[in-house]
């Protein structure tokens, strides 16, 4: 197969930043995806529906002329998120979920949840309102090995949420381990997961090839090869609860190439093309459309997109860097080649 025509996909986990940085990266996503779930971990975080409405308006204003891209929003949960805010978010029509960041787990998560005990009323209000909980699934206990934090989160937090609020739909975002994939498979229909291009294409060796590779550093961190293989099997299989979420996270080069580099990999410039590589290598290109354009929409109870995109098998070289406001960012596979090319919108 040298040409692949797909229903226009959705990205169910995206970081856009704000201002000039957002304007630099938004066109990549708008060219490939019909919708994206935009993460709320700005500074300050988007903890109210009013703040999300303003942020959404800035996104729409920054779109290229003629773009039909739709940003979907998610509320940033804190220890003090009141149930009334959940109800306001639901009533807005553009907020489809609320995001659980364990405090300190990743970029701009300092205002996140310090203990699950603080947010039971908010979670129960979400289940009643029909909002989806998006979860960054890692514990932040310094005594837990960084490669085990996802597994510990399942045991300490996620199983408790599932048991106590059974009506709550949950997306276990950017899963990284075979254990997480198995947890989703063994859970009921209300539990789903997103998978990123980096966790499907790379294992933790990519962090240390010839030296420390800061542009391959993300959170949750890359895991073992057997975990990567298990994620590929989940993504390319037929379980409808595994779907696309890039977690594309742009950072200026100087904030990555430093003594304490930021976590995040920018993939929006070639996201659907990188997923095509994964599915082709697995011999399952026929399942890419379901993963990218159907399962997520179905889980979020939104209509599937009617537009189409076309990919062709044609290698191209990714620029070593892209402009990022007054800075520059290094994209995933910068300076290397991608085997598929987007040829139509």
C-alpha atoms as a PDB file:
ATOM      1  CA  UNK A   1       0.000   0.000   0.000  1.00  0.00           C
ATOM      2  CA  UNK A   2       1.614   3.274  -1.085  1.00  0.00           C
ATOM      3  CA  UNK A   3      -1.357   5.628  -0.564  1.00  0.00           C
ATOM      4  CA  UNK A   4      -3.504   5.691   2.539  1.00  0.00           C
ATOM      5  CA  UNK A   5      -6.772   7.607   2.688  1.00  0.00           C
ATOM      6  CA  UNK A   6      -8.210   8.038   6.183  1.00  0.00           C
ATOM      7  CA  UNK A   7     -11.128   9.637   7.948  1.00  0.00           C
ATOM      8  CA  UNK A   8      -9.744  12.868   9.444  1.00  0.00           C
ATOM      9  CA  UNK A   9      -8.299  11.916  12.844  1.00  0.00           C
ATOM     10  CA  UNK A  10      -8.528  13.420  16.335  1.00  0.00           C
ATOM     11  CA  UNK A  11      -5.740  13.989  18.861  1.00  0.00           C
ATOM     12  CA  UNK A  12      -7.024  13.191  22.343  1.00  0.00           C
ATOM     13  CA  UNK A  13      -4.009  14.614  24.198  1.00  0.00           C
ATOM     14  CA  UNK A  14      -2.247  17.782  23.015  1.00  0.00           C
ATOM     15  CA  UNK A  15      -0.185  20.590  24.518  1.00  0.00           C
ATOM     16  CA  UNK A  16      -0.423  23.886  22.632  1.00  0.00           C
ATOM     17  CA  UNK A  17       1.109  26.336  25.137  1.00  0.00           C
ATOM     18  CA  UNK A  18      -0.025  29.951  24.598  1.00  0.00           C
ATOM     19  CA  UNK A  19       0.797  33.184  22.807  1.00  0.00           C
ATOM     20  CA  UNK A  20       3.576  33.130  20.207  1.00  0.00           C
ATOM     21  CA  UNK A  21       4.541  29.574  21.159  1.00  0.00           C
ATOM     22  CA  UNK A  22       1.009  28.382  20.453  1.00  0.00           C
ATOM     23  CA  UNK A  23       0.902  30.243  17.150  1.00  0.00           C
ATOM     24  CA  UNK A  24       4.092  28.448  16.099  1.00  0.00           C
ATOM     25  CA  UNK A  25       2.838  24.903  16.684  1.00  0.00           C
ATOM     26  CA  UNK A  26      -0.938  25.056  16.202  1.00  0.00           C
ATOM     27  CA  UNK A  27      -0.827  24.878  12.365  1.00  0.00           C
ATOM     28  CA  UNK A  28       0.841  21.449  12.465  1.00  0.00           C
ATOM     29  CA  UNK A  29      -2.074  19.966  14.415  1.00  0.00           C
ATOM     30  CA  UNK A  30      -4.768  21.879  12.523  1.00  0.00           C
ATOM     31  CA  UNK A  31      -3.415  20.527   9.228  1.00  0.00           C
ATOM     32  CA  UNK A  32      -3.681  16.888  10.334  1.00  0.00           C
ATOM     33  CA  UNK A  33      -6.462  16.670  12.909  1.00  0.00           C
ATOM     34  CA  UNK A  34     -10.082  17.772  12.983  1.00  0.00           C
ATOM     35  CA  UNK A  35     -10.157  18.089  16.774  1.00  0.00           C
ATOM     36  CA  UNK A  36      -7.758  17.914  19.676  1.00  0.00           C
ATOM     37  CA  UNK A  37      -8.168  17.748  23.429  1.00  0.00           C
ATOM     38  CA  UNK A  38      -6.004  20.634  24.645  1.00  0.00           C
ATOM     39  CA  UNK A  39      -4.250  20.193  27.974  1.00  0.00           C
ATOM     40  CA  UNK A  40      -4.810  22.832  30.668  1.00  0.00           C
ATOM     41  CA  UNK A  41      -1.363  22.902  32.331  1.00  0.00           C
ATOM     42  CA  UNK A  42      -0.459  26.483  31.486  1.00  0.00           C
ATOM     43  CA  UNK A  43       0.932  28.994  33.945  1.00  0.00           C
ATOM     44  CA  UNK A  44      -1.381  29.766  35.631  1.00  0.00           C
ATOM     45  CA  UNK A  45      -3.318  26.511  35.120  1.00  0.00           C
ATOM     46  CA  UNK A  46      -6.784  26.508  33.582  1.00  0.00           C
ATOM     47  CA  UNK A  47      -8.788  25.707  36.725  1.00  0.00           C
ATOM     48  CA  UNK A  48     -12.088  27.385  35.768  1.00  0.00           C
ATOM     49  CA  UNK A  49     -14.488  27.232  32.860  1.00  0.00           C
ATOM     50  CA  UNK A  50     -14.113  30.988  32.363  1.00  0.00           C
ATOM     51  CA  UNK A  51     -10.348  30.619  31.969  1.00  0.00           C
ATOM     52  CA  UNK A  52     -10.850  27.754  29.512  1.00  0.00           C
ATOM     53  CA  UNK A  53     -13.280  29.841  27.454  1.00  0.00           C
ATOM     54  CA  UNK A  54     -10.683  32.594  27.143  1.00  0.00           C
ATOM     55  CA  UNK A  55      -7.944  30.105  26.239  1.00  0.00           C
ATOM     56  CA  UNK A  56     -10.161  28.456  23.632  1.00  0.00           C
ATOM     57  CA  UNK A  57     -10.877  31.865  22.084  1.00  0.00           C
ATOM     58  CA  UNK A  58      -7.118  32.503  21.796  1.00  0.00           C
ATOM     59  CA  UNK A  59      -6.655  29.145  20.070  1.00  0.00           C
ATOM     60  CA  UNK A  60      -9.420  29.858  17.564  1.00  0.00           C
ATOM     61  CA  UNK A  61      -7.983  33.311  16.858  1.00  0.00           C
ATOM     62  CA  UNK A  62      -4.549  31.787  16.141  1.00  0.00           C
ATOM     63  CA  UNK A  63      -5.802  29.257  13.580  1.00  0.00           C
ATOM     64  CA  UNK A  64      -4.725  29.591   9.946  1.00  0.00           C
ATOM     65  CA  UNK A  65      -7.403  31.229   7.750  1.00  0.00           C
ATOM     66  CA  UNK A  66     -10.033  28.749   6.602  1.00  0.00           C
ATOM     67  CA  UNK A  67      -9.159  26.132   9.196  1.00  0.00           C
ATOM     68  CA  UNK A  68     -12.056  24.108  10.610  1.00  0.00           C
ATOM     69  CA  UNK A  69     -10.030  22.685  13.501  1.00  0.00           C
ATOM     70  CA  UNK A  70     -11.976  22.437  16.783  1.00  0.00           C
ATOM     71  CA  UNK A  71     -10.220  22.667  20.162  1.00  0.00           C
ATOM     72  CA  UNK A  72     -11.832  20.629  22.923  1.00  0.00           C
ATOM     73  CA  UNK A  73     -11.018  21.626  26.478  1.00  0.00           C
ATOM     74  CA  UNK A  74     -10.387  19.937  29.803  1.00  0.00           C
ATOM     75  CA  UNK A  75     -10.463  21.433  33.287  1.00  0.00           C
ATOM     76  CA  UNK A  76      -7.351  21.335  35.511  1.00  0.00           C
ATOM     77  CA  UNK A  77      -8.297  19.578  38.752  1.00  0.00           C
ATOM     78  CA  UNK A  78      -6.926  20.834  42.059  1.00  0.00           C
ATOM     79  CA  UNK A  79      -7.480  19.836  45.671  1.00  0.00           C
ATOM     80  CA  UNK A  80     -10.176  22.516  45.817  1.00  0.00           C
ATOM     81  CA  UNK A  81     -12.129  22.031  42.589  1.00  0.00           C
ATOM     82  CA  UNK A  82     -15.793  22.383  43.646  1.00  0.00           C
ATOM     83  CA  UNK A  83     -18.580  20.267  42.165  1.00  0.00           C
ATOM     84  CA  UNK A  84     -20.238  23.474  40.929  1.00  0.00           C
ATOM     85  CA  UNK A  85     -17.227  24.107  38.671  1.00  0.00           C
ATOM     86  CA  UNK A  86     -17.658  20.633  37.209  1.00  0.00           C
ATOM     87  CA  UNK A  87     -21.266  21.431  36.416  1.00  0.00           C
ATOM     88  CA  UNK A  88     -20.301  24.764  34.827  1.00  0.00           C
ATOM     89  CA  UNK A  89     -17.728  22.978  32.691  1.00  0.00           C
ATOM     90  CA  UNK A  90     -20.285  20.474  31.483  1.00  0.00           C
ATOM     91  CA  UNK A  91     -22.799  23.201  30.682  1.00  0.00           C
ATOM     92  CA  UNK A  92     -20.245  25.081  28.562  1.00  0.00           C
ATOM     93  CA  UNK A  93     -20.524  22.685  25.634  1.00  0.00           C
ATOM     94  CA  UNK A  94     -16.786  22.877  24.868  1.00  0.00           C
ATOM     95  CA  UNK A  95     -15.311  21.250  27.991  1.00  0.00           C
ATOM     96  CA  UNK A  96     -15.349  17.461  27.627  1.00  0.00           C
ATOM     97  CA  UNK A  97     -13.340  16.410  30.663  1.00  0.00           C
ATOM     98  CA  UNK A  98     -11.191  17.236  33.649  1.00  0.00           C
ATOM     99  CA  UNK A  99      -7.494  16.425  34.023  1.00  0.00           C
ATOM    100  CA  UNK A 100      -5.931  14.783  37.060  1.00  0.00           C
ATOM    101  CA  UNK A 101      -2.296  15.764  37.443  1.00  0.00           C
ATOM    102  CA  UNK A 102      -0.705  14.345  40.581  1.00  0.00           C
ATOM    103  CA  UNK A 103       1.057  17.390  42.038  1.00  0.00           C
ATOM    104  CA  UNK A 104       4.632  17.513  40.793  1.00  0.00           C
ATOM    105  CA  UNK A 105       4.281  14.655  38.304  1.00  0.00           C
ATOM    106  CA  UNK A 106       5.131  16.595  35.135  1.00  0.00           C
ATOM    107  CA  UNK A 107       5.386  20.045  33.518  1.00  0.00           C
ATOM    108  CA  UNK A 108       3.341  22.729  35.300  1.00  0.00           C
ATOM    109  CA  UNK A 109       1.668  20.216  37.602  1.00  0.00           C
ATOM    110  CA  UNK A 110       2.588  21.909  40.868  1.00  0.00           C
ATOM    111  CA  UNK A 111      -1.023  23.016  41.365  1.00  0.00           C
ATOM    112  CA  UNK A 112      -2.297  19.480  40.797  1.00  0.00           C
ATOM    113  CA  UNK A 113      -3.894  17.037  43.184  1.00  0.00           C
ATOM    114  CA  UNK A 114      -1.889  16.189  46.312  1.00  0.00           C
ATOM    115  CA  UNK A 115      -4.201  13.360  47.412  1.00  0.00           C
ATOM    116  CA  UNK A 116      -7.120  11.574  45.833  1.00  0.00           C
ATOM    117  CA  UNK A 117      -8.970  12.083  49.116  1.00  0.00           C
ATOM    118  CA  UNK A 118      -9.424  15.771  48.254  1.00  0.00           C
ATOM    119  CA  UNK A 119     -11.310  15.288  44.979  1.00  0.00           C
ATOM    120  CA  UNK A 120     -13.954  12.625  45.588  1.00  0.00           C
ATOM    121  CA  UNK A 121     -16.793  15.217  45.412  1.00  0.00           C
ATOM    122  CA  UNK A 122     -15.448  16.528  42.087  1.00  0.00           C
ATOM    123  CA  UNK A 123     -15.091  13.014  40.644  1.00  0.00           C
ATOM    124  CA  UNK A 124     -18.594  12.080  41.710  1.00  0.00           C
ATOM    125  CA  UNK A 125     -19.917  15.282  40.112  1.00  0.00           C
ATOM    126  CA  UNK A 126     -18.061  14.359  36.905  1.00  0.00           C
ATOM    127  CA  UNK A 127     -19.690  10.944  36.780  1.00  0.00           C
ATOM    128  CA  UNK A 128     -23.101  12.530  37.263  1.00  0.00           C
ATOM    129  CA  UNK A 129     -22.458  15.215  34.626  1.00  0.00           C
ATOM    130  CA  UNK A 130     -20.908  12.872  32.076  1.00  0.00           C
ATOM    131  CA  UNK A 131     -17.458  14.483  31.929  1.00  0.00           C
ATOM    132  CA  UNK A 132     -14.467  12.241  31.204  1.00  0.00           C
ATOM    133  CA  UNK A 133     -11.544  12.070  33.633  1.00  0.00           C
ATOM    134  CA  UNK A 134      -8.146  12.259  31.951  1.00  0.00           C
ATOM    135  CA  UNK A 135      -5.380  10.884  34.150  1.00  0.00           C
ATOM    136  CA  UNK A 136      -1.628  11.397  34.212  1.00  0.00           C
ATOM    137  CA  UNK A 137      -0.987   8.033  35.791  1.00  0.00           C
ATOM    138  CA  UNK A 138       2.122   8.292  37.939  1.00  0.00           C
ATOM    139  CA  UNK A 139       2.745   8.501  41.657  1.00  0.00           C
ATOM    140  CA  UNK A 140       5.209  11.154  42.793  1.00  0.00           C
ATOM    141  CA  UNK A 141       6.592   9.330  45.824  1.00  0.00           C
ATOM    142  CA  UNK A 142      10.377   9.812  45.656  1.00  0.00           C
ATOM    143  CA  UNK A 143      10.859   6.344  47.138  1.00  0.00           C
ATOM    144  CA  UNK A 144       9.300   4.782  44.022  1.00  0.00           C
ATOM    145  CA  UNK A 145      11.601   4.099  41.078  1.00  0.00           C
ATOM    146  CA  UNK A 146      10.776   6.358  38.127  1.00  0.00           C
ATOM    147  CA  UNK A 147      10.228   3.301  35.915  1.00  0.00           C
ATOM    148  CA  UNK A 148       7.663   1.879  38.374  1.00  0.00           C
ATOM    149  CA  UNK A 149       5.540   4.964  39.000  1.00  0.00           C
ATOM    150  CA  UNK A 150       2.834   4.086  36.491  1.00  0.00           C
ATOM    151  CA  UNK A 151       2.360   0.616  37.964  1.00  0.00           C
ATOM    152  CA  UNK A 152       2.216   2.057  41.484  1.00  0.00           C
ATOM    153  CA  UNK A 153      -0.395   4.592  40.379  1.00  0.00           C
ATOM    154  CA  UNK A 154      -2.626   1.782  39.160  1.00  0.00           C
ATOM    155  CA  UNK A 155      -2.424   0.064  42.527  1.00  0.00           C
ATOM    156  CA  UNK A 156      -2.606   3.113  44.775  1.00  0.00           C
ATOM    157  CA  UNK A 157      -4.979   5.451  42.933  1.00  0.00           C
ATOM    158  CA  UNK A 158      -6.609   4.253  39.739  1.00  0.00           C
ATOM    159  CA  UNK A 159      -8.159   1.069  41.120  1.00  0.00           C
ATOM    160  CA  UNK A 160      -9.640   3.104  43.974  1.00  0.00           C
ATOM    161  CA  UNK A 161     -11.247   5.583  41.579  1.00  0.00           C
ATOM    162  CA  UNK A 162     -12.718   2.787  39.470  1.00  0.00           C
ATOM    163  CA  UNK A 163     -14.146   1.044  42.549  1.00  0.00           C
ATOM    164  CA  UNK A 164     -15.523   4.147  44.274  1.00  0.00           C
ATOM    165  CA  UNK A 165     -16.913   6.001  41.209  1.00  0.00           C
ATOM    166  CA  UNK A 166     -17.943   3.196  38.839  1.00  0.00           C
ATOM    167  CA  UNK A 167     -19.970   5.498  36.585  1.00  0.00           C
ATOM    168  CA  UNK A 168     -16.982   7.696  35.771  1.00  0.00           C
ATOM    169  CA  UNK A 169     -15.437   7.358  32.313  1.00  0.00           C
ATOM    170  CA  UNK A 170     -11.633   7.471  32.563  1.00  0.00           C
ATOM    171  CA  UNK A 171      -8.857   7.850  29.993  1.00  0.00           C
ATOM    172  CA  UNK A 172      -5.534   6.529  31.269  1.00  0.00           C
ATOM    173  CA  UNK A 173      -3.375   8.869  29.234  1.00  0.00           C
ATOM    174  CA  UNK A 174      -0.076   8.102  27.496  1.00  0.00           C
ATOM    175  CA  UNK A 175       0.256   4.601  28.942  1.00  0.00           C
ATOM    176  CA  UNK A 176       3.809   3.257  28.875  1.00  0.00           C
ATOM    177  CA  UNK A 177       3.803  -0.281  30.230  1.00  0.00           C
ATOM    178  CA  UNK A 178       2.454  -3.734  29.509  1.00  0.00           C
ATOM    179  CA  UNK A 179       0.865  -3.593  32.972  1.00  0.00           C
ATOM    180  CA  UNK A 180      -1.127  -0.479  32.056  1.00  0.00           C
ATOM    181  CA  UNK A 181      -2.355  -2.035  28.810  1.00  0.00           C
ATOM    182  CA  UNK A 182      -3.439  -5.134  30.697  1.00  0.00           C
ATOM    183  CA  UNK A 183      -5.219  -3.032  33.327  1.00  0.00           C
ATOM    184  CA  UNK A 184      -7.286  -1.340  30.615  1.00  0.00           C
ATOM    185  CA  UNK A 185      -8.105  -4.665  28.954  1.00  0.00           C
ATOM    186  CA  UNK A 186      -9.277  -6.157  32.248  1.00  0.00           C
ATOM    187  CA  UNK A 187     -11.351  -3.112  33.210  1.00  0.00           C
ATOM    188  CA  UNK A 188     -14.866  -2.384  32.081  1.00  0.00           C
ATOM    189  CA  UNK A 189     -16.003  -0.311  29.087  1.00  0.00           C
ATOM    190  CA  UNK A 190     -15.665   2.953  31.039  1.00  0.00           C
ATOM    191  CA  UNK A 191     -11.842   2.729  31.047  1.00  0.00           C
ATOM    192  CA  UNK A 192      -9.780   3.656  27.975  1.00  0.00           C
ATOM    193  CA  UNK A 193      -6.202   4.698  27.189  1.00  0.00           C
ATOM    194  CA  UNK A 194      -4.287   6.902  24.784  1.00  0.00           C
ATOM    195  CA  UNK A 195      -0.942   5.978  23.231  1.00  0.00           C
ATOM    196  CA  UNK A 196       1.744   8.348  21.991  1.00  0.00           C
ATOM    197  CA  UNK A 197       4.045   7.997  18.980  1.00  0.00           C
ATOM    198  CA  UNK A 198       7.147   8.095  21.167  1.00  0.00           C
ATOM    199  CA  UNK A 199       6.020   5.243  23.420  1.00  0.00           C
ATOM    200  CA  UNK A 200       5.106   3.161  20.362  1.00  0.00           C
ATOM    201  CA  UNK A 201       8.366   3.843  18.496  1.00  0.00           C
ATOM    202  CA  UNK A 202      11.024   4.182  21.226  1.00  0.00           C
ATOM    203  CA  UNK A 203      12.184   2.324  24.299  1.00  0.00           C
ATOM    204  CA  UNK A 204      14.312   3.686  27.118  1.00  0.00           C
ATOM    205  CA  UNK A 205      17.547   2.994  25.236  1.00  0.00           C
ATOM    206  CA  UNK A 206      16.661   6.056  23.156  1.00  0.00           C
ATOM    207  CA  UNK A 207      17.449   8.213  26.187  1.00  0.00           C
ATOM    208  CA  UNK A 208      21.096   7.156  26.227  1.00  0.00           C
ATOM    209  CA  UNK A 209      22.204   6.408  22.649  1.00  0.00           C
ATOM    210  CA  UNK A 210      25.726   7.836  22.433  1.00  0.00           C
ATOM    211  CA  UNK A 211      25.049  10.044  25.442  1.00  0.00           C
ATOM    212  CA  UNK A 212      22.092  11.629  27.186  1.00  0.00           C
ATOM    213  CA  UNK A 213      19.342  12.512  24.680  1.00  0.00           C
ATOM    214  CA  UNK A 214      17.233  15.291  26.257  1.00  0.00           C
ATOM    215  CA  UNK A 215      14.847  15.527  23.303  1.00  0.00           C
ATOM    216  CA  UNK A 216      13.754  11.934  23.949  1.00  0.00           C
ATOM    217  CA  UNK A 217      12.921  12.715  27.575  1.00  0.00           C
ATOM    218  CA  UNK A 218       9.220  12.750  28.409  1.00  0.00           C
ATOM    219  CA  UNK A 219       7.011  11.867  31.349  1.00  0.00           C
ATOM    220  CA  UNK A 220       6.003   9.172  31.849  1.00  0.00           C
ATOM    221  CA  UNK A 221       9.506   8.170  30.834  1.00  0.00           C
ATOM    222  CA  UNK A 222      10.134   5.675  28.029  1.00  0.00           C
ATOM    223  CA  UNK A 223      10.114   2.085  29.241  1.00  0.00           C
ATOM    224  CA  UNK A 224      11.525  -1.333  28.327  1.00  0.00           C
ATOM    225  CA  UNK A 225      11.337  -2.891  24.860  1.00  0.00           C
ATOM    226  CA  UNK A 226       8.841  -5.489  26.056  1.00  0.00           C
ATOM    227  CA  UNK A 227       6.585  -2.646  27.205  1.00  0.00           C
ATOM    228  CA  UNK A 228       6.866  -0.900  23.852  1.00  0.00           C
ATOM    229  CA  UNK A 229       5.931  -4.130  22.077  1.00  0.00           C
ATOM    230  CA  UNK A 230       2.901  -4.566  24.346  1.00  0.00           C
ATOM    231  CA  UNK A 231       1.752  -1.013  23.565  1.00  0.00           C
ATOM    232  CA  UNK A 232       2.045  -1.632  19.832  1.00  0.00           C
ATOM    233  CA  UNK A 233      -0.081  -4.741  20.211  1.00  0.00           C
ATOM    234  CA  UNK A 234      -2.702  -2.712  22.108  1.00  0.00           C
ATOM    235  CA  UNK A 235      -2.744   0.151  19.604  1.00  0.00           C
ATOM    236  CA  UNK A 236      -2.916  -2.064  16.515  1.00  0.00           C
ATOM    237  CA  UNK A 237      -5.328  -4.583  18.001  1.00  0.00           C
ATOM    238  CA  UNK A 238      -9.108  -4.493  17.885  1.00  0.00           C
ATOM    239  CA  UNK A 239      -9.934  -3.286  21.421  1.00  0.00           C
ATOM    240  CA  UNK A 240     -11.853   0.000  20.907  1.00  0.00           C
ATOM    241  CA  UNK A 241     -10.608   1.478  24.175  1.00  0.00           C
ATOM    242  CA  UNK A 242      -7.090   2.191  22.885  1.00  0.00           C
ATOM    243  CA  UNK A 243      -6.836   5.310  20.744  1.00  0.00           C
ATOM    244  CA  UNK A 244      -4.626   8.173  19.587  1.00  0.00           C
ATOM    245  CA  UNK A 245      -3.285  10.865  21.893  1.00  0.00           C
ATOM    246  CA  UNK A 246       0.057  12.339  20.885  1.00  0.00           C
ATOM    247  CA  UNK A 247       0.972  14.179  24.095  1.00  0.00           C
ATOM    248  CA  UNK A 248       2.878  16.455  21.721  1.00  0.00           C
ATOM    249  CA  UNK A 249       4.610  18.868  24.095  1.00  0.00           C
ATOM    250  CA  UNK A 250       6.731  21.672  22.642  1.00  0.00           C
ATOM    251  CA  UNK A 251       9.615  23.140  24.618  1.00  0.00           C
ATOM    252  CA  UNK A 252      12.211  25.683  23.563  1.00  0.00           C
ATOM    253  CA  UNK A 253      15.564  24.071  22.791  1.00  0.00           C
ATOM    254  CA  UNK A 254      17.316  25.870  25.658  1.00  0.00           C
ATOM    255  CA  UNK A 255      14.821  24.459  28.191  1.00  0.00           C
ATOM    256  CA  UNK A 256      15.561  20.907  27.034  1.00  0.00           C
ATOM    257  CA  UNK A 257      19.325  21.207  26.613  1.00  0.00           C
ATOM    258  CA  UNK A 258      20.079  22.277  30.153  1.00  0.00           C
ATOM    259  CA  UNK A 259      21.093  20.856  33.534  1.00  0.00           C
ATOM    260  CA  UNK A 260      17.425  20.217  34.409  1.00  0.00           C
ATOM    261  CA  UNK A 261      15.683  19.698  31.089  1.00  0.00           C
ATOM    262  CA  UNK A 262      11.911  19.865  30.632  1.00  0.00           C
ATOM    263  CA  UNK A 263       9.924  16.691  29.978  1.00  0.00           C
ATOM    264  CA  UNK A 264       8.100  16.492  26.679  1.00  0.00           C
ATOM    265  CA  UNK A 265       8.475  15.460  23.038  1.00  0.00           C
ATOM    266  CA  UNK A 266       7.110  17.548  20.175  1.00  0.00           C
ATOM    267  CA  UNK A 267       5.493  15.315  17.529  1.00  0.00           C
ATOM    268  CA  UNK A 268       2.688  17.426  16.037  1.00  0.00           C
ATOM    269  CA  UNK A 269       4.739  18.166  12.910  1.00  0.00           C
ATOM    270  CA  UNK A 270       4.492  14.504  11.807  1.00  0.00           C
ATOM    271  CA  UNK A 271       2.081  12.866  14.221  1.00  0.00           C
ATOM    272  CA  UNK A 272      -0.217  10.870  11.964  1.00  0.00           C
ATOM    273  CA  UNK A 273       2.738   9.971   9.730  1.00  0.00           C
ATOM    274  CA  UNK A 274       4.647   8.508  12.693  1.00  0.00           C
ATOM    275  CA  UNK A 275       1.625   6.457  13.724  1.00  0.00           C
ATOM    276  CA  UNK A 276       1.426   5.162  10.139  1.00  0.00           C
ATOM    277  CA  UNK A 277       4.981   3.868  10.536  1.00  0.00           C
ATOM    278  CA  UNK A 278       3.954   1.973  13.677  1.00  0.00           C
ATOM    279  CA  UNK A 279       0.945   0.357  12.050  1.00  0.00           C
ATOM    280  CA  UNK A 280       2.832  -0.469   8.864  1.00  0.00           C
ATOM    281  CA  UNK A 281       5.643  -2.154  10.810  1.00  0.00           C
ATOM    282  CA  UNK A 282       3.005  -4.223  12.643  1.00  0.00           C
ATOM    283  CA  UNK A 283       1.350  -5.214   9.350  1.00  0.00           C
ATOM    284  CA  UNK A 284      -1.887  -3.534  10.424  1.00  0.00           C
ATOM    285  CA  UNK A 285      -2.292  -0.369   8.379  1.00  0.00           C
ATOM    286  CA  UNK A 286      -5.931  -1.309   7.892  1.00  0.00           C
ATOM    287  CA  UNK A 287      -6.527  -0.579  11.603  1.00  0.00           C
ATOM    288  CA  UNK A 288      -4.971   2.896  11.696  1.00  0.00           C
ATOM    289  CA  UNK A 289      -8.230   4.668  10.837  1.00  0.00           C
ATOM    290  CA  UNK A 290     -10.096   3.095  13.743  1.00  0.00           C
ATOM    291  CA  UNK A 291      -7.283   3.958  16.165  1.00  0.00           C
ATOM    292  CA  UNK A 292      -6.881   7.518  14.906  1.00  0.00           C
ATOM    293  CA  UNK A 293     -10.370   8.604  13.901  1.00  0.00           C
ATOM    294  CA  UNK A 294     -13.075   6.379  15.374  1.00  0.00           C
ATOM    295  CA  UNK A 295     -12.386   4.924  18.808  1.00  0.00           C
ATOM    296  CA  UNK A 296     -11.688   8.191  20.607  1.00  0.00           C
ATOM    297  CA  UNK A 297     -14.737   9.925  19.175  1.00  0.00           C
ATOM    298  CA  UNK A 298     -16.884   6.966  20.166  1.00  0.00           C
ATOM    299  CA  UNK A 299     -15.520   6.900  23.724  1.00  0.00           C
ATOM    300  CA  UNK A 300     -16.103  10.647  24.150  1.00  0.00           C
ATOM    301  CA  UNK A 301     -19.585  10.243  22.603  1.00  0.00           C
ATOM    302  CA  UNK A 302     -18.888  12.685  19.814  1.00  0.00           C
ATOM    303  CA  UNK A 303     -19.635  12.242  16.102  1.00  0.00           C
ATOM    304  CA  UNK A 304     -16.897  10.830  13.911  1.00  0.00           C
ATOM    305  CA  UNK A 305     -15.347  13.326  11.510  1.00  0.00           C
ATOM    306  CA  UNK A 306     -16.565  13.410   7.925  1.00  0.00           C
ATOM    307  CA  UNK A 307     -13.441  14.861   6.292  1.00  0.00           C
ATOM    308  CA  UNK A 308     -10.543  12.841   4.896  1.00  0.00           C
ATOM    309  CA  UNK A 309      -6.762  13.054   4.760  1.00  0.00           C
ATOM    310  CA  UNK A 310      -4.345  11.266   2.463  1.00  0.00           C
ATOM    311  CA  UNK A 311      -0.919   9.884   3.296  1.00  0.00           C
ATOM    312  CA  UNK A 312       1.576   8.520   0.815  1.00  0.00           C
ATOM    313  CA  UNK A 313       4.591   6.343   1.419  1.00  0.00           C
ATOM    314  CA  UNK A 314       7.232   8.913   0.589  1.00  0.00           C
ATOM    315  CA  UNK A 315      10.209   9.559   2.853  1.00  0.00           C
ATOM    316  CA  UNK A 316      10.984  13.144   3.878  1.00  0.00           C
ATOM    317  CA  UNK A 317      13.592  14.695   6.133  1.00  0.00           C
ATOM    318  CA  UNK A 318      12.347  16.401   9.284  1.00  0.00           C
ATOM    319  CA  UNK A 319      13.948  19.800   9.892  1.00  0.00           C
ATOM    320  CA  UNK A 320      16.519  19.789  12.683  1.00  0.00           C
ATOM    321  CA  UNK A 321      14.521  22.556  14.403  1.00  0.00           C
ATOM    322  CA  UNK A 322      11.365  24.622  13.964  1.00  0.00           C
ATOM    323  CA  UNK A 323      10.744  28.264  14.964  1.00  0.00           C
ATOM    324  CA  UNK A 324       9.047  28.551  18.356  1.00  0.00           C
ATOM    325  CA  UNK A 325       8.172  32.189  18.941  1.00  0.00           C
ATOM    326  CA  UNK A 326      11.483  33.921  19.640  1.00  0.00           C
ATOM    327  CA  UNK A 327      13.032  30.497  20.316  1.00  0.00           C
ATOM    328  CA  UNK A 328      13.317  27.229  18.428  1.00  0.00           C
ATOM    329  CA  UNK A 329      12.253  23.685  19.262  1.00  0.00           C
ATOM    330  CA  UNK A 330      13.684  20.325  18.281  1.00  0.00           C
ATOM    331  CA  UNK A 331      10.977  17.985  16.941  1.00  0.00           C
ATOM    332  CA  UNK A 332      10.745  14.249  17.266  1.00  0.00           C
ATOM    333  CA  UNK A 333      13.130  12.695  14.739  1.00  0.00           C
ATOM    334  CA  UNK A 334      14.606  16.106  13.944  1.00  0.00           C
ATOM    335  CA  UNK A 335      17.189  15.750  11.191  1.00  0.00           C
ATOM    336  CA  UNK A 336      15.991  12.208  10.445  1.00  0.00           C
ATOM    337  CA  UNK A 337      13.460  10.791   8.033  1.00  0.00           C
ATOM    338  CA  UNK A 338       9.785   9.898   8.294  1.00  0.00           C
ATOM    339  CA  UNK A 339       8.503   7.246   5.892  1.00  0.00           C
ATOM    340  CA  UNK A 340       5.004   8.656   5.278  1.00  0.00           C
ATOM    341  CA  UNK A 341       3.969  12.096   4.073  1.00  0.00           C
ATOM    342  CA  UNK A 342       0.705  14.016   4.429  1.00  0.00           C
ATOM    343  CA  UNK A 343      -0.341  15.068   0.935  1.00  0.00           C
ATOM    344  CA  UNK A 344      -3.865  16.465   1.383  1.00  0.00           C
ATOM    345  CA  UNK A 345      -5.837  17.989   4.202  1.00  0.00           C
END
